Amino acid sequence: MALIDDLADKLAQDVLAAQPELDDDRFYEKVARSIGALSPTMQEAFMTSIRLRLAELRGRAFLEASLKARREGGSGPEAPKERQELGGH
């Protein structure tokens, strides 16, 4: 359903933008609990958007650090281990 995805993604963007001002890097979890009380479907769409956006931020930071290291003649950061290697599923 496009409406849920659109609403959830917009909320995720706004929450991630507000977190520094709120000085709470896990504020999205509180918002997710608030959403889940009324709509588990919306909650899951919101959390999916949050996870995607956080992953994109982490990937972008890794890319930028790698490029910076290369341009400055150093070695880039080591890539994180795969989830399975870390004991994940």
N, C-alpha and C. Protein backbone atom coordinates (compact mmCIF):
# COMPACT_ATOMS: atom_id res chain seq x y z
N MET A 1 0.86 -1.18 0.00
CA MET A 1 0.00 0.00 0.00
C MET A 1 0.90 1.24 0.00
N ALA A 2 0.79 2.04 -1.02
CA ALA A 2 1.66 3.19 -1.20
C ALA A 2 1.47 4.25 -0.12
N LEU A 3 0.24 4.45 0.34
CA LEU A 3 -0.01 5.47 1.35
C LEU A 3 0.77 5.17 2.62
N ILE A 4 0.73 3.94 3.08
CA ILE A 4 1.46 3.58 4.30
C ILE A 4 2.95 3.81 4.11
N ASP A 5 3.49 3.36 2.99
CA ASP A 5 4.92 3.53 2.74
C ASP A 5 5.30 5.00 2.68
N ASP A 6 4.49 5.80 2.01
CA ASP A 6 4.78 7.24 1.91
C ASP A 6 4.74 7.91 3.28
N LEU A 7 3.70 7.62 4.04
CA LEU A 7 3.57 8.22 5.37
C LEU A 7 4.70 7.77 6.29
N ALA A 8 4.99 6.48 6.26
CA ALA A 8 6.04 5.93 7.13
C ALA A 8 7.41 6.51 6.77
N ASP A 9 7.69 6.64 5.48
CA ASP A 9 8.99 7.16 5.07
C ASP A 9 9.14 8.63 5.43
N LYS A 10 8.10 9.40 5.25
CA LYS A 10 8.16 10.82 5.62
C LYS A 10 8.38 10.96 7.12
N LEU A 11 7.66 10.17 7.90
CA LEU A 11 7.85 10.21 9.35
C LEU A 11 9.27 9.79 9.72
N ALA A 12 9.78 8.76 9.07
CA ALA A 12 11.14 8.31 9.35
C ALA A 12 12.16 9.41 9.05
N GLN A 13 11.99 10.10 7.94
CA GLN A 13 12.88 11.22 7.61
C GLN A 13 12.84 12.29 8.70
N ASP A 14 11.63 12.64 9.11
CA ASP A 14 11.46 13.69 10.12
C ASP A 14 12.04 13.28 11.47
N VAL A 15 11.82 12.02 11.84
CA VAL A 15 12.33 11.52 13.12
C VAL A 15 13.86 11.52 13.11
N LEU A 16 14.46 11.00 12.05
CA LEU A 16 15.92 10.97 11.98
C LEU A 16 16.51 12.37 11.99
N ALA A 17 15.83 13.31 11.36
CA ALA A 17 16.30 14.70 11.36
C ALA A 17 16.17 15.34 12.74
N ALA A 18 15.17 14.93 13.52
CA ALA A 18 14.93 15.51 14.85
C ALA A 18 15.81 14.91 15.94
N GLN A 19 16.31 13.72 15.72
CA GLN A 19 17.06 13.04 16.78
C GLN A 19 18.24 13.84 17.34
N PRO A 20 19.05 14.51 16.52
CA PRO A 20 20.15 15.30 17.09
C PRO A 20 19.63 16.41 18.03
N GLU A 21 18.57 17.07 17.63
CA GLU A 21 18.00 18.13 18.47
C GLU A 21 17.46 17.56 19.78
N LEU A 22 16.90 16.37 19.72
CA LEU A 22 16.36 15.71 20.90
C LEU A 22 17.45 15.04 21.72
N ASP A 23 18.65 14.97 21.17
CA ASP A 23 19.80 14.32 21.81
C ASP A 23 19.46 12.88 22.21
N ASP A 24 18.83 12.17 21.27
CA ASP A 24 18.39 10.80 21.52
C ASP A 24 18.50 10.02 20.21
N ASP A 25 19.59 9.26 20.06
CA ASP A 25 19.80 8.56 18.80
C ASP A 25 18.94 7.31 18.66
N ARG A 26 18.13 7.01 19.64
CA ARG A 26 17.19 5.88 19.56
C ARG A 26 15.74 6.36 19.70
N PHE A 27 15.51 7.63 19.47
CA PHE A 27 14.16 8.18 19.59
C PHE A 27 13.18 7.46 18.66
N TYR A 28 13.68 7.01 17.53
CA TYR A 28 12.81 6.30 16.58
C TYR A 28 12.14 5.09 17.21
N GLU A 29 12.77 4.47 18.19
CA GLU A 29 12.15 3.33 18.87
C GLU A 29 10.90 3.75 19.64
N LYS A 30 10.95 4.93 20.25
CA LYS A 30 9.79 5.45 20.98
C LYS A 30 8.66 5.77 20.01
N VAL A 31 9.02 6.35 18.89
CA VAL A 31 8.01 6.65 17.87
C VAL A 31 7.39 5.35 17.36
N ALA A 32 8.21 4.35 17.14
CA ALA A 32 7.71 3.06 16.64
C ALA A 32 6.71 2.45 17.63
N ARG A 33 7.02 2.53 18.93
CA ARG A 33 6.08 1.99 19.92
C ARG A 33 4.78 2.77 19.91
N SER A 34 4.87 4.07 19.72
CA SER A 34 3.68 4.90 19.66
C SER A 34 2.82 4.54 18.46
N ILE A 35 3.44 4.32 17.33
CA ILE A 35 2.72 3.93 16.11
C ILE A 35 2.09 2.55 16.28
N GLY A 36 2.86 1.63 16.84
CA GLY A 36 2.41 0.25 16.96
C GLY A 36 1.16 0.08 17.79
N ALA A 37 0.91 1.02 18.69
CA ALA A 37 -0.30 0.95 19.51
C ALA A 37 -1.56 1.06 18.66
N LEU A 38 -1.46 1.75 17.53
CA LEU A 38 -2.62 1.93 16.65
C LEU A 38 -2.55 1.12 15.36
N SER A 39 -1.33 0.93 14.83
CA SER A 39 -1.21 0.26 13.54
C SER A 39 0.11 -0.49 13.44
N PRO A 40 0.09 -1.79 13.71
CA PRO A 40 1.31 -2.58 13.54
C PRO A 40 1.84 -2.54 12.10
N THR A 41 0.97 -2.42 11.14
CA THR A 41 1.38 -2.33 9.74
C THR A 41 2.18 -1.06 9.50
N MET A 42 1.70 0.05 10.02
CA MET A 42 2.42 1.32 9.89
C MET A 42 3.74 1.25 10.64
N GLN A 43 3.73 0.62 11.80
CA GLN A 43 4.95 0.49 12.59
C GLN A 43 6.03 -0.25 11.80
N GLU A 44 5.64 -1.34 11.17
CA GLU A 44 6.62 -2.12 10.39
C GLU A 44 7.13 -1.32 9.20
N ALA A 45 6.26 -0.61 8.52
CA ALA A 45 6.69 0.23 7.39
C ALA A 45 7.64 1.32 7.87
N PHE A 46 7.35 1.92 9.01
CA PHE A 46 8.21 2.95 9.59
C PHE A 46 9.58 2.37 9.93
N MET A 47 9.60 1.21 10.60
CA MET A 47 10.87 0.61 10.99
C MET A 47 11.67 0.17 9.76
N THR A 48 11.00 -0.28 8.73
CA THR A 48 11.70 -0.63 7.50
C THR A 48 12.37 0.61 6.92
N SER A 49 11.66 1.70 6.88
CA SER A 49 12.23 2.95 6.37
C SER A 49 13.39 3.42 7.24
N ILE A 50 13.25 3.32 8.55
CA ILE A 50 14.33 3.70 9.47
C ILE A 50 15.57 2.85 9.19
N ARG A 51 15.38 1.52 9.11
CA ARG A 51 16.52 0.62 8.88
C ARG A 51 17.20 0.92 7.55
N LEU A 52 16.40 1.15 6.52
CA LEU A 52 16.98 1.46 5.21
C LEU A 52 17.76 2.77 5.24
N ARG A 53 17.20 3.77 5.88
CA ARG A 53 17.87 5.07 5.94
C ARG A 53 19.14 5.02 6.79
N LEU A 54 19.10 4.30 7.92
CA LEU A 54 20.29 4.17 8.74
C LEU A 54 21.38 3.38 8.01
N ALA A 55 20.98 2.34 7.29
CA ALA A 55 21.95 1.56 6.52
C ALA A 55 22.58 2.43 5.42
N GLU A 56 21.76 3.24 4.77
CA GLU A 56 22.29 4.13 3.73
C GLU A 56 23.28 5.12 4.33
N LEU A 57 22.96 5.68 5.49
CA LEU A 57 23.88 6.61 6.16
C LEU A 57 25.20 5.93 6.51
N ARG A 58 25.12 4.71 7.02
CA ARG A 58 26.33 3.96 7.37
C ARG A 58 27.16 3.65 6.12
N GLY A 59 26.48 3.23 5.06
CA GLY A 59 27.19 2.94 3.81
C GLY A 59 27.84 4.18 3.22
N ARG A 60 27.13 5.29 3.27
CA ARG A 60 27.67 6.55 2.75
C ARG A 60 28.89 6.99 3.56
N ALA A 61 28.83 6.86 4.88
CA ALA A 61 29.97 7.22 5.73
C ALA A 61 31.18 6.35 5.41
N PHE A 62 30.94 5.06 5.17
CA PHE A 62 32.03 4.15 4.81
C PHE A 62 32.64 4.55 3.47
N LEU A 63 31.79 4.86 2.49
CA LEU A 63 32.26 5.30 1.18
C LEU A 63 33.11 6.56 1.31
N GLU A 64 32.61 7.55 2.04
CA GLU A 64 33.33 8.81 2.18
C GLU A 64 34.66 8.62 2.91
N ALA A 65 34.69 7.78 3.94
CA ALA A 65 35.94 7.52 4.65
C ALA A 65 36.93 6.79 3.76
N SER A 66 36.44 5.87 2.93
CA SER A 66 37.32 5.14 2.01
C SER A 66 37.91 6.07 0.96
N LEU A 67 37.08 6.93 0.40
CA LEU A 67 37.57 7.89 -0.60
C LEU A 67 38.56 8.86 0.01
N LYS A 68 38.27 9.35 1.20
CA LYS A 68 39.17 10.29 1.87
C LYS A 68 40.52 9.63 2.12
N ALA A 69 40.51 8.42 2.61
CA ALA A 69 41.76 7.71 2.88
C ALA A 69 42.55 7.52 1.59
N ARG A 70 41.88 7.13 0.53
CA ARG A 70 42.55 6.90 -0.76
C ARG A 70 43.18 8.19 -1.27
N ARG A 71 42.44 9.28 -1.18
CA ARG A 71 42.93 10.58 -1.68
C ARG A 71 44.09 11.10 -0.86
N GLU A 72 44.14 10.71 0.41
CA GLU A 72 45.21 11.17 1.29
C GLU A 72 46.36 10.17 1.38
N GLY A 73 46.29 9.10 0.58
CA GLY A 73 47.37 8.13 0.52
C GLY A 73 47.36 7.09 1.62
N GLY A 74 46.30 7.02 2.38
CA GLY A 74 46.22 6.03 3.45
C GLY A 74 45.39 4.84 3.04
N SER A 75 45.25 3.95 3.99
CA SER A 75 44.38 2.80 3.72
C SER A 75 43.00 3.11 4.29
N GLY A 76 42.02 2.67 3.59
CA GLY A 76 40.64 2.94 3.99
C GLY A 76 40.24 2.11 5.20
N PRO A 77 39.06 2.38 5.71
CA PRO A 77 38.56 1.61 6.85
C PRO A 77 38.29 0.17 6.45
N GLU A 78 38.37 -0.72 7.40
CA GLU A 78 38.07 -2.12 7.12
C GLU A 78 36.56 -2.29 7.07
N ALA A 79 36.12 -3.05 6.09
CA ALA A 79 34.68 -3.32 5.96
C ALA A 79 34.21 -4.15 7.15
N PRO A 80 33.02 -3.87 7.64
CA PRO A 80 32.48 -4.68 8.74
C PRO A 80 32.34 -6.13 8.31
N LYS A 81 32.39 -7.02 9.27
CA LYS A 81 32.20 -8.44 8.99
C LYS A 81 30.74 -8.68 8.59
N GLU A 82 30.52 -9.74 7.86
CA GLU A 82 29.17 -10.11 7.49
C GLU A 82 28.38 -10.45 8.74
N ARG A 83 27.08 -10.25 8.68
CA ARG A 83 26.21 -10.55 9.85
C ARG A 83 26.42 -11.97 10.35
N GLN A 84 26.51 -12.91 9.43
CA GLN A 84 26.63 -14.30 9.83
C GLN A 84 27.94 -14.52 10.59
N GLU A 85 29.00 -13.85 10.18
CA GLU A 85 30.29 -13.97 10.87
C GLU A 85 30.22 -13.37 12.27
N LEU A 86 29.31 -12.45 12.48
CA LEU A 86 29.18 -11.80 13.78
C LEU A 86 28.22 -12.56 14.70
N GLY A 87 27.72 -13.69 14.24
CA GLY A 87 26.79 -14.46 15.05
C GLY A 87 25.35 -14.17 14.73
N GLY A 88 25.09 -13.37 13.69
CA GLY A 88 23.71 -13.06 13.29
C GLY A 88 23.16 -14.17 12.41
N HIS A 89 21.95 -13.98 11.97
CA HIS A 89 21.30 -14.99 11.12
C HIS A 89 21.08 -14.48 9.74
